[in-house]
Amino acid sequence: MEMPVLETDRLRLRGFTMADLDHVAALYGNSKVMHFLGKGVPLSREDAQERLAAMIFRWETRRIPIWAVEMKETSKWIGRCGFSPYKDTDEIELAYTFLPKTWGSGYATEAARACRDYARDHTNWPRFIARTRPDNVASRRVMEKLGLRFDHFEPEHPDGPHVFYLMTREML
């Protein structure tokens, strides 16, 4: 089954293919992007390729979607948005990552809203989470605009201190 395409006023969210490797490698290789992700350091092209393969695999095997995000008018690739399993738990995590030149434009909120609505209409997940470092004010603002509520703070998270937000089915 092919991943559904989502569209917003300005964006098109489509399934990833391995042809997206250059885009994904540029995203994960960017120090500004990676400042708030993982260990805070850029990833190699090989690591980006593994992440891309995992995103595709999760859709094919578990129907957990994460989309490549493009500008609707130009088809220019600007980031990723969707869901992934959180670590080794049953939790589903909303995740979004965009190229720095697009920050502050509302694209993350617009794409994440489409993903939230997809979860409401096409899954039976009882809840999903989102997380970021406490000082990532822009990402926290996206979560709050979507209606997620602050859940807890983990000062000893393996990737450094993190705040967690939550969206339940009742909140959708």
N, C-alpha and C. Protein backbone atom coordinates (compact mmCIF):
# COMPACT_ATOMS: atom_id res chain seq x y z
N MET A 1 0.85 -1.18 0.00
CA MET A 1 0.00 0.00 0.00
C MET A 1 0.89 1.25 0.00
N GLU A 2 0.61 2.13 -0.91
CA GLU A 2 1.38 3.36 -1.00
C GLU A 2 0.95 4.34 0.08
N MET A 3 1.92 5.08 0.59
CA MET A 3 1.60 6.07 1.61
C MET A 3 0.71 7.16 1.03
N PRO A 4 -0.33 7.56 1.75
CA PRO A 4 -1.18 8.63 1.24
C PRO A 4 -0.44 9.95 1.16
N VAL A 5 -0.83 10.78 0.21
CA VAL A 5 -0.28 12.12 0.07
C VAL A 5 -1.20 13.06 0.83
N LEU A 6 -0.62 13.94 1.64
CA LEU A 6 -1.38 14.96 2.36
C LEU A 6 -1.07 16.31 1.73
N GLU A 7 -2.07 17.16 1.66
CA GLU A 7 -1.85 18.51 1.14
C GLU A 7 -2.43 19.53 2.09
N THR A 8 -1.71 20.64 2.21
CA THR A 8 -2.17 21.79 2.99
C THR A 8 -2.22 22.96 2.00
N ASP A 9 -2.47 24.14 2.50
CA ASP A 9 -2.48 25.31 1.61
C ASP A 9 -1.17 25.47 0.85
N ARG A 10 -0.05 25.26 1.55
CA ARG A 10 1.25 25.53 0.93
C ARG A 10 2.12 24.31 0.72
N LEU A 11 1.75 23.19 1.33
CA LEU A 11 2.64 22.04 1.38
C LEU A 11 2.03 20.78 0.80
N ARG A 12 2.92 19.90 0.36
CA ARG A 12 2.56 18.56 -0.07
C ARG A 12 3.42 17.60 0.73
N LEU A 13 2.78 16.65 1.41
CA LEU A 13 3.48 15.65 2.18
C LEU A 13 3.33 14.32 1.46
N ARG A 14 4.45 13.73 1.09
CA ARG A 14 4.45 12.49 0.31
C ARG A 14 5.38 11.47 0.95
N GLY A 15 5.20 10.23 0.57
CA GLY A 15 6.06 9.18 1.09
C GLY A 15 7.50 9.34 0.64
N PHE A 16 8.40 8.89 1.48
CA PHE A 16 9.82 8.90 1.14
C PHE A 16 10.16 7.77 0.18
N THR A 17 11.19 8.00 -0.61
CA THR A 17 11.83 6.94 -1.41
C THR A 17 13.33 7.08 -1.18
N MET A 18 14.08 6.08 -1.58
CA MET A 18 15.54 6.16 -1.42
C MET A 18 16.13 7.27 -2.28
N ALA A 19 15.38 7.76 -3.26
CA ALA A 19 15.84 8.89 -4.09
C ALA A 19 15.91 10.18 -3.27
N ASP A 20 15.35 10.18 -2.06
CA ASP A 20 15.40 11.36 -1.19
C ASP A 20 16.69 11.43 -0.36
N LEU A 21 17.62 10.52 -0.60
CA LEU A 21 18.82 10.46 0.24
C LEU A 21 19.59 11.79 0.27
N ASP A 22 19.77 12.45 -0.83
CA ASP A 22 20.52 13.72 -0.81
C ASP A 22 19.85 14.74 0.10
N HIS A 23 18.52 14.80 0.04
CA HIS A 23 17.78 15.74 0.89
C HIS A 23 17.93 15.37 2.37
N VAL A 24 17.74 14.10 2.67
CA VAL A 24 17.81 13.64 4.06
C VAL A 24 19.23 13.81 4.60
N ALA A 25 20.22 13.52 3.79
CA ALA A 25 21.62 13.69 4.23
C ALA A 25 21.93 15.17 4.49
N ALA A 26 21.41 16.06 3.66
CA ALA A 26 21.61 17.50 3.89
C ALA A 26 20.92 17.95 5.17
N LEU A 27 19.74 17.42 5.43
CA LEU A 27 18.99 17.78 6.64
C LEU A 27 19.74 17.32 7.89
N TYR A 28 20.05 16.02 7.95
CA TYR A 28 20.70 15.46 9.13
C TYR A 28 22.17 15.83 9.23
N GLY A 29 22.75 16.31 8.15
CA GLY A 29 24.15 16.74 8.18
C GLY A 29 24.30 18.20 8.56
N ASN A 30 23.18 18.90 8.79
CA ASN A 30 23.21 20.32 9.11
C ASN A 30 23.35 20.52 10.62
N SER A 31 24.37 21.25 11.04
CA SER A 31 24.61 21.43 12.47
C SER A 31 23.50 22.21 13.16
N LYS A 32 22.88 23.17 12.47
CA LYS A 32 21.76 23.92 13.07
C LYS A 32 20.57 23.00 13.32
N VAL A 33 20.27 22.15 12.37
CA VAL A 33 19.16 21.20 12.51
C VAL A 33 19.45 20.24 13.65
N MET A 34 20.65 19.71 13.67
CA MET A 34 20.98 18.66 14.63
C MET A 34 21.25 19.18 16.03
N HIS A 35 21.35 20.48 16.20
CA HIS A 35 21.56 21.05 17.52
C HIS A 35 20.51 20.56 18.52
N PHE A 36 19.28 20.39 18.07
CA PHE A 36 18.19 19.98 18.96
C PHE A 36 17.82 18.50 18.82
N LEU A 37 18.53 17.75 18.01
CA LEU A 37 18.19 16.34 17.77
C LEU A 37 19.29 15.41 18.25
N GLY A 38 18.90 14.24 18.69
CA GLY A 38 19.86 13.21 19.07
C GLY A 38 20.90 13.73 20.04
N LYS A 39 22.14 13.46 19.72
CA LYS A 39 23.26 13.89 20.57
C LYS A 39 23.69 15.32 20.27
N GLY A 40 23.00 15.98 19.31
CA GLY A 40 23.31 17.37 19.01
C GLY A 40 24.39 17.57 17.98
N VAL A 41 24.78 16.49 17.28
CA VAL A 41 25.84 16.60 16.28
C VAL A 41 25.32 16.10 14.92
N PRO A 42 25.84 16.68 13.83
CA PRO A 42 25.42 16.24 12.49
C PRO A 42 25.69 14.76 12.26
N LEU A 43 24.86 14.15 11.43
CA LEU A 43 25.02 12.74 11.09
C LEU A 43 25.74 12.60 9.75
N SER A 44 26.39 11.46 9.59
CA SER A 44 27.05 11.15 8.32
C SER A 44 26.00 10.79 7.27
N ARG A 45 26.42 10.77 6.03
CA ARG A 45 25.53 10.35 4.95
C ARG A 45 25.04 8.91 5.18
N GLU A 46 25.93 8.06 5.68
CA GLU A 46 25.55 6.67 5.95
C GLU A 46 24.48 6.60 7.03
N ASP A 47 24.63 7.41 8.08
CA ASP A 47 23.62 7.44 9.14
C ASP A 47 22.29 7.97 8.61
N ALA A 48 22.36 8.98 7.76
CA ALA A 48 21.15 9.54 7.14
C ALA A 48 20.47 8.48 6.27
N GLN A 49 21.27 7.70 5.57
CA GLN A 49 20.70 6.64 4.73
C GLN A 49 19.99 5.60 5.59
N GLU A 50 20.56 5.26 6.73
CA GLU A 50 19.90 4.32 7.65
C GLU A 50 18.58 4.89 8.16
N ARG A 51 18.57 6.17 8.49
CA ARG A 51 17.32 6.80 8.96
C ARG A 51 16.27 6.80 7.87
N LEU A 52 16.68 7.12 6.65
CA LEU A 52 15.74 7.12 5.53
C LEU A 52 15.16 5.72 5.32
N ALA A 53 16.02 4.72 5.30
CA ALA A 53 15.55 3.34 5.13
C ALA A 53 14.59 2.95 6.25
N ALA A 54 14.86 3.39 7.46
CA ALA A 54 13.98 3.07 8.60
C ALA A 54 12.62 3.74 8.43
N MET A 55 12.59 4.99 7.95
CA MET A 55 11.32 5.68 7.75
C MET A 55 10.46 4.94 6.72
N ILE A 56 11.09 4.49 5.65
CA ILE A 56 10.38 3.75 4.61
C ILE A 56 9.91 2.41 5.16
N PHE A 57 10.78 1.71 5.87
CA PHE A 57 10.48 0.39 6.43
C PHE A 57 9.31 0.46 7.41
N ARG A 58 9.28 1.49 8.27
CA ARG A 58 8.19 1.59 9.25
C ARG A 58 6.83 1.74 8.58
N TRP A 59 6.79 2.44 7.45
CA TRP A 59 5.51 2.54 6.74
C TRP A 59 5.15 1.17 6.15
N GLU A 60 6.12 0.54 5.50
CA GLU A 60 5.84 -0.72 4.81
C GLU A 60 5.46 -1.85 5.77
N THR A 61 6.00 -1.84 6.97
CA THR A 61 5.76 -2.96 7.90
C THR A 61 4.74 -2.66 8.99
N ARG A 62 4.66 -1.40 9.43
CA ARG A 62 3.79 -1.08 10.57
C ARG A 62 2.78 0.02 10.28
N ARG A 63 2.83 0.58 9.07
CA ARG A 63 1.93 1.67 8.66
C ARG A 63 2.06 2.88 9.59
N ILE A 64 3.30 3.16 10.00
CA ILE A 64 3.60 4.37 10.77
C ILE A 64 4.21 5.36 9.78
N PRO A 65 3.47 6.42 9.45
CA PRO A 65 3.90 7.31 8.36
C PRO A 65 4.75 8.50 8.81
N ILE A 66 5.82 8.72 8.07
CA ILE A 66 6.54 9.98 8.16
C ILE A 66 6.75 10.44 6.72
N TRP A 67 6.40 11.67 6.45
CA TRP A 67 6.35 12.17 5.09
C TRP A 67 7.51 13.10 4.76
N ALA A 68 7.90 13.09 3.50
CA ALA A 68 8.77 14.11 2.93
C ALA A 68 7.88 15.33 2.70
N VAL A 69 8.34 16.51 3.09
CA VAL A 69 7.53 17.72 2.95
C VAL A 69 8.11 18.58 1.84
N GLU A 70 7.24 18.95 0.90
CA GLU A 70 7.64 19.78 -0.23
C GLU A 70 6.74 21.01 -0.31
N MET A 71 7.26 22.06 -0.91
CA MET A 71 6.45 23.22 -1.23
C MET A 71 5.49 22.80 -2.35
N LYS A 72 4.23 23.09 -2.19
CA LYS A 72 3.24 22.65 -3.16
C LYS A 72 3.49 23.24 -4.55
N GLU A 73 3.80 24.52 -4.62
CA GLU A 73 3.94 25.20 -5.92
C GLU A 73 5.21 24.82 -6.67
N THR A 74 6.29 24.54 -5.95
CA THR A 74 7.58 24.32 -6.61
C THR A 74 8.12 22.89 -6.48
N SER A 75 7.52 22.08 -5.63
CA SER A 75 8.00 20.72 -5.31
C SER A 75 9.37 20.74 -4.64
N LYS A 76 9.79 21.90 -4.12
CA LYS A 76 11.07 22.00 -3.42
C LYS A 76 10.97 21.29 -2.07
N TRP A 77 11.92 20.41 -1.80
CA TRP A 77 11.95 19.61 -0.58
C TRP A 77 12.40 20.50 0.59
N ILE A 78 11.64 20.49 1.70
CA ILE A 78 12.01 21.36 2.82
C ILE A 78 12.13 20.64 4.16
N GLY A 79 11.74 19.37 4.25
CA GLY A 79 11.88 18.68 5.52
C GLY A 79 11.08 17.39 5.60
N ARG A 80 10.84 17.00 6.83
CA ARG A 80 10.09 15.77 7.09
C ARG A 80 9.13 16.01 8.24
N CYS A 81 8.03 15.27 8.24
CA CYS A 81 7.05 15.41 9.31
C CYS A 81 6.21 14.14 9.35
N GLY A 82 5.91 13.68 10.53
CA GLY A 82 5.08 12.49 10.67
C GLY A 82 5.33 11.80 11.98
N PHE A 83 5.27 10.50 11.96
CA PHE A 83 5.30 9.71 13.19
C PHE A 83 6.38 8.64 13.15
N SER A 84 6.85 8.27 14.32
CA SER A 84 7.78 7.16 14.43
C SER A 84 7.59 6.53 15.80
N PRO A 85 8.01 5.27 15.93
CA PRO A 85 7.95 4.66 17.26
C PRO A 85 8.95 5.38 18.17
N TYR A 86 8.58 5.58 19.42
CA TYR A 86 9.50 6.22 20.36
C TYR A 86 10.35 5.16 21.05
N LYS A 87 11.63 5.19 20.74
CA LYS A 87 12.62 4.28 21.32
C LYS A 87 12.09 2.84 21.28
N ASP A 88 12.21 2.11 22.36
CA ASP A 88 11.75 0.72 22.41
C ASP A 88 10.45 0.61 23.21
N THR A 89 9.52 1.52 22.93
CA THR A 89 8.24 1.51 23.65
C THR A 89 7.10 1.34 22.64
N ASP A 90 5.90 1.29 23.15
CA ASP A 90 4.71 1.23 22.28
C ASP A 90 4.23 2.63 21.91
N GLU A 91 4.90 3.66 22.42
CA GLU A 91 4.50 5.03 22.15
C GLU A 91 4.78 5.41 20.70
N ILE A 92 3.91 6.25 20.15
CA ILE A 92 4.10 6.83 18.83
C ILE A 92 4.49 8.29 19.05
N GLU A 93 5.51 8.73 18.33
CA GLU A 93 6.02 10.10 18.49
C GLU A 93 5.78 10.92 17.22
N LEU A 94 5.24 12.10 17.39
CA LEU A 94 5.15 13.08 16.31
C LEU A 94 6.52 13.73 16.18
N ALA A 95 7.05 13.74 14.96
CA ALA A 95 8.38 14.30 14.74
C ALA A 95 8.37 15.18 13.50
N TYR A 96 9.08 16.28 13.57
CA TYR A 96 9.19 17.18 12.42
C TYR A 96 10.57 17.81 12.44
N THR A 97 11.14 17.92 11.25
CA THR A 97 12.47 18.48 11.09
C THR A 97 12.50 19.20 9.74
N PHE A 98 12.89 20.47 9.76
CA PHE A 98 12.88 21.28 8.55
C PHE A 98 14.23 21.96 8.34
N LEU A 99 14.51 22.28 7.10
CA LEU A 99 15.74 23.01 6.77
C LEU A 99 15.70 24.39 7.43
N PRO A 100 16.83 24.86 7.94
CA PRO A 100 16.85 26.14 8.65
C PRO A 100 16.31 27.33 7.86
N LYS A 101 16.49 27.34 6.55
CA LYS A 101 16.01 28.49 5.77
C LYS A 101 14.49 28.61 5.79
N THR A 102 13.80 27.55 6.25
CA THR A 102 12.33 27.59 6.31
C THR A 102 11.82 27.91 7.72
N TRP A 103 12.70 27.96 8.70
CA TRP A 103 12.27 28.18 10.08
C TRP A 103 11.57 29.53 10.21
N GLY A 104 10.56 29.57 11.04
CA GLY A 104 9.82 30.79 11.30
C GLY A 104 8.73 31.08 10.28
N SER A 105 8.52 30.18 9.34
CA SER A 105 7.54 30.39 8.27
C SER A 105 6.19 29.74 8.54
N GLY A 106 6.10 28.96 9.60
CA GLY A 106 4.85 28.26 9.91
C GLY A 106 4.72 26.91 9.23
N TYR A 107 5.73 26.48 8.49
CA TYR A 107 5.64 25.20 7.78
C TYR A 107 5.55 24.02 8.75
N ALA A 108 6.32 24.05 9.83
CA ALA A 108 6.27 22.93 10.77
C ALA A 108 4.88 22.79 11.36
N THR A 109 4.27 23.90 11.75
CA THR A 109 2.92 23.85 12.31
C THR A 109 1.93 23.35 11.26
N GLU A 110 2.04 23.85 10.06
CA GLU A 110 1.12 23.47 8.98
C GLU A 110 1.23 21.97 8.67
N ALA A 111 2.45 21.48 8.55
CA ALA A 111 2.65 20.06 8.24
C ALA A 111 2.23 19.18 9.42
N ALA A 112 2.62 19.58 10.63
CA ALA A 112 2.28 18.79 11.82
C ALA A 112 0.77 18.75 12.05
N ARG A 113 0.08 19.82 11.72
CA ARG A 113 -1.39 19.84 11.84
C ARG A 113 -2.00 18.80 10.90
N ALA A 114 -1.48 18.72 9.68
CA ALA A 114 -1.98 17.72 8.73
C ALA A 114 -1.70 16.30 9.25
N CYS A 115 -0.56 16.10 9.87
CA CYS A 115 -0.22 14.79 10.43
C CYS A 115 -1.12 14.46 11.62
N ARG A 116 -1.34 15.43 12.47
CA ARG A 116 -2.25 15.24 13.61
C ARG A 116 -3.64 14.82 13.11
N ASP A 117 -4.13 15.51 12.10
CA ASP A 117 -5.45 15.19 11.55
C ASP A 117 -5.47 13.80 10.90
N TYR A 118 -4.36 13.43 10.26
CA TYR A 118 -4.25 12.08 9.71
C TYR A 118 -4.37 11.05 10.84
N ALA A 119 -3.66 11.28 11.93
CA ALA A 119 -3.72 10.34 13.07
C ALA A 119 -5.15 10.22 13.58
N ARG A 120 -5.85 11.34 13.67
CA ARG A 120 -7.24 11.33 14.14
C ARG A 120 -8.14 10.52 13.22
N ASP A 121 -7.98 10.71 11.92
CA ASP A 121 -8.91 10.14 10.95
C ASP A 121 -8.53 8.75 10.44
N HIS A 122 -7.26 8.35 10.57
CA HIS A 122 -6.82 7.11 9.92
C HIS A 122 -6.08 6.13 10.83
N THR A 123 -6.01 6.41 12.12
CA THR A 123 -5.37 5.45 13.02
C THR A 123 -6.29 5.23 14.22
N ASN A 124 -5.95 4.23 14.99
CA ASN A 124 -6.67 4.00 16.25
C ASN A 124 -5.73 4.18 17.44
N TRP A 125 -4.67 4.96 17.22
CA TRP A 125 -3.74 5.19 18.32
C TRP A 125 -4.46 5.90 19.46
N PRO A 126 -4.31 5.43 20.68
CA PRO A 126 -4.96 6.09 21.80
C PRO A 126 -4.31 7.43 22.16
N ARG A 127 -3.04 7.59 21.74
CA ARG A 127 -2.31 8.82 22.04
C ARG A 127 -1.03 8.85 21.23
N PHE A 128 -0.43 10.03 21.17
CA PHE A 128 0.94 10.13 20.66
C PHE A 128 1.64 11.22 21.45
N ILE A 129 2.95 11.18 21.42
CA ILE A 129 3.76 12.14 22.15
C ILE A 129 4.57 12.98 21.18
N ALA A 130 5.15 14.04 21.68
CA ALA A 130 6.15 14.83 20.97
C ALA A 130 7.14 15.28 22.03
N ARG A 131 8.37 15.46 21.65
CA ARG A 131 9.39 15.85 22.63
C ARG A 131 10.43 16.74 21.99
N THR A 132 11.10 17.49 22.84
CA THR A 132 12.19 18.34 22.38
C THR A 132 13.03 18.74 23.59
N ARG A 133 14.12 19.37 23.32
CA ARG A 133 14.92 19.94 24.41
C ARG A 133 14.18 21.15 24.97
N PRO A 134 14.31 21.41 26.26
CA PRO A 134 13.56 22.51 26.88
C PRO A 134 13.78 23.86 26.24
N ASP A 135 14.98 24.11 25.70
CA ASP A 135 15.27 25.42 25.13
C ASP A 135 14.86 25.56 23.66
N ASN A 136 14.25 24.52 23.10
CA ASN A 136 13.77 24.60 21.71
C ASN A 136 12.36 25.23 21.73
N VAL A 137 12.34 26.52 21.93
CA VAL A 137 11.09 27.26 22.09
C VAL A 137 10.20 27.15 20.86
N ALA A 138 10.79 27.20 19.67
CA ALA A 138 10.00 27.13 18.44
C ALA A 138 9.26 25.80 18.33
N SER A 139 9.94 24.71 18.63
CA SER A 139 9.31 23.40 18.56
C SER A 139 8.22 23.26 19.61
N ARG A 140 8.47 23.76 20.79
CA ARG A 140 7.45 23.72 21.85
C ARG A 140 6.22 24.52 21.42
N ARG A 141 6.44 25.63 20.75
CA ARG A 141 5.33 26.45 20.27
C ARG A 141 4.48 25.69 19.25
N VAL A 142 5.13 24.93 18.36
CA VAL A 142 4.41 24.10 17.39
C VAL A 142 3.52 23.11 18.14
N MET A 143 4.07 22.43 19.12
CA MET A 143 3.31 21.44 19.88
C MET A 143 2.09 22.08 20.53
N GLU A 144 2.29 23.24 21.11
CA GLU A 144 1.18 23.91 21.79
C GLU A 144 0.12 24.39 20.81
N LYS A 145 0.54 24.89 19.64
CA LYS A 145 -0.43 25.32 18.62
C LYS A 145 -1.29 24.16 18.15
N LEU A 146 -0.73 22.96 18.14
CA LEU A 146 -1.46 21.77 17.71
C LEU A 146 -2.41 21.25 18.77
N GLY A 147 -2.29 21.76 19.99
CA GLY A 147 -3.16 21.32 21.06
C GLY A 147 -2.56 20.24 21.95
N LEU A 148 -1.29 19.89 21.73
CA LEU A 148 -0.65 18.95 22.65
C LEU A 148 -0.47 19.65 23.99
N ARG A 149 -0.50 18.88 25.05
CA ARG A 149 -0.31 19.47 26.37
C ARG A 149 0.98 18.95 26.98
N PHE A 150 1.61 19.83 27.75
CA PHE A 150 2.83 19.45 28.44
C PHE A 150 2.54 18.25 29.33
N ASP A 151 3.41 17.24 29.27
CA ASP A 151 3.21 16.03 30.07
C ASP A 151 4.26 15.90 31.18
N HIS A 152 5.54 15.95 30.79
CA HIS A 152 6.57 15.83 31.83
C HIS A 152 7.94 16.28 31.29
N PHE A 153 8.85 16.43 32.22
CA PHE A 153 10.23 16.81 31.94
C PHE A 153 11.13 15.66 32.35
N GLU A 154 12.06 15.28 31.48
CA GLU A 154 13.03 14.23 31.79
C GLU A 154 14.43 14.85 31.80
N PRO A 155 14.92 15.24 32.97
CA PRO A 155 16.25 15.84 33.03
C PRO A 155 17.37 14.88 32.69
N GLU A 156 17.13 13.58 32.86
CA GLU A 156 18.17 12.56 32.63
C GLU A 156 17.95 11.77 31.35
N HIS A 157 17.27 12.34 30.36
CA HIS A 157 17.04 11.65 29.10
C HIS A 157 18.38 11.34 28.45
N PRO A 158 18.52 10.18 27.79
CA PRO A 158 19.81 9.81 27.17
C PRO A 158 20.36 10.84 26.17
N ASP A 159 19.48 11.60 25.52
CA ASP A 159 19.92 12.61 24.57
C ASP A 159 19.99 14.00 25.21
N GLY A 160 20.00 14.06 26.52
CA GLY A 160 20.00 15.34 27.22
C GLY A 160 18.59 15.64 27.72
N PRO A 161 18.44 16.68 28.51
CA PRO A 161 17.12 17.01 29.07
C PRO A 161 16.07 17.20 27.97
N HIS A 162 14.87 16.66 28.20
CA HIS A 162 13.78 16.76 27.24
C HIS A 162 12.47 17.08 27.94
N VAL A 163 11.63 17.82 27.24
CA VAL A 163 10.25 18.02 27.67
C VAL A 163 9.37 17.17 26.76
N PHE A 164 8.33 16.59 27.33
CA PHE A 164 7.41 15.73 26.60
C PHE A 164 6.02 16.35 26.59
N TYR A 165 5.40 16.29 25.43
CA TYR A 165 4.02 16.75 25.26
C TYR A 165 3.18 15.55 24.83
N LEU A 166 1.88 15.66 24.99
CA LEU A 166 0.98 14.53 24.78
C LEU A 166 -0.28 14.96 24.05
N MET A 167 -0.77 14.08 23.19
CA MET A 167 -2.07 14.26 22.52
C MET A 167 -2.81 12.94 22.66
N THR A 168 -3.97 12.95 23.32
CA THR A 168 -4.78 11.75 23.44
C THR A 168 -5.88 11.77 22.38
N ARG A 169 -6.50 10.64 22.17
CA ARG A 169 -7.59 10.55 21.20
C ARG A 169 -8.71 11.51 21.58
N GLU A 170 -8.97 11.65 22.87
CA GLU A 170 -10.02 12.57 23.32
C GLU A 170 -9.68 14.02 23.00
N MET A 171 -8.42 14.35 22.96
CA MET A 171 -7.98 15.70 22.67
C MET A 171 -8.07 16.03 21.17
N LEU A 172 -8.08 14.97 20.35
CA LEU A 172 -8.11 15.18 18.91
C LEU A 172 -9.46 15.73 18.48
